[in-house]
Amino acid sequence: MNDIVRKVRRVQRRMALNRFLDAWTISLLLAASLLAVFVLVDKVIYVGVDPLLAFGSALGLSVAMAGVLAWIRRPRFLSAAIQADEQMGLKERVSSVLAIGAFETDMEKALYDDTLARVQRLSLAAAAPIELPRRARFVPVPVVAAILALFLPTWDLLERKVAADKVAATVAEVQKVAE
């Protein structure tokens, strides 16, 4: 039983990784899009936040959000057994063996032995392949847009940068006088 449970746990972990990659793709798209908008707003109206800090924050936020989403949507043990059955063509052998638990009759023992033999021969990569979601191909679009927006000239329509520079100069003068 331990060999079958171990294989199903590995399928479950691979399914969890796939769900994390899916959630990370979604959160990375959202974070990169918000980052591109933020950089554009910073070019038009000075915000005063370092763009590298914003990039790092967006990346960290996307990983954290993906982790939370993946944890909420994590696969259950039985769903991993069912996926292993379906993907490897085992005709519900694994889920039946796990549902039976204790093997008292000869038929139950034969089912266990047959399932164990089949599971040991099959590859986990076929049961739960690790794949990037299709929407991952769109992630570079907002990232490139944010990077290109960094090279735009700063317009500072509300002259907030000038005001921030005056405040910094005043603070420097006060500190110089205080010494």
Foldseek 3Di string as FASTA:
>chain_A
DVLLLVLLVVLLVLVLLQQLLVQLLVLLQVLLLVLLVVLLCCQEAPPPDDSVVSVVVSNVVSNVRSVVRSVVVRDDSLVSQVLQCVQLVVVCLSSVLVVVPDQDDPVNVVSVVVVSVSSVPDDSCSSRPRDRDPSSVVSVVSNVSSVVSNPDHRDNPVCVVVVVVVVVVVVVVVVVVVD
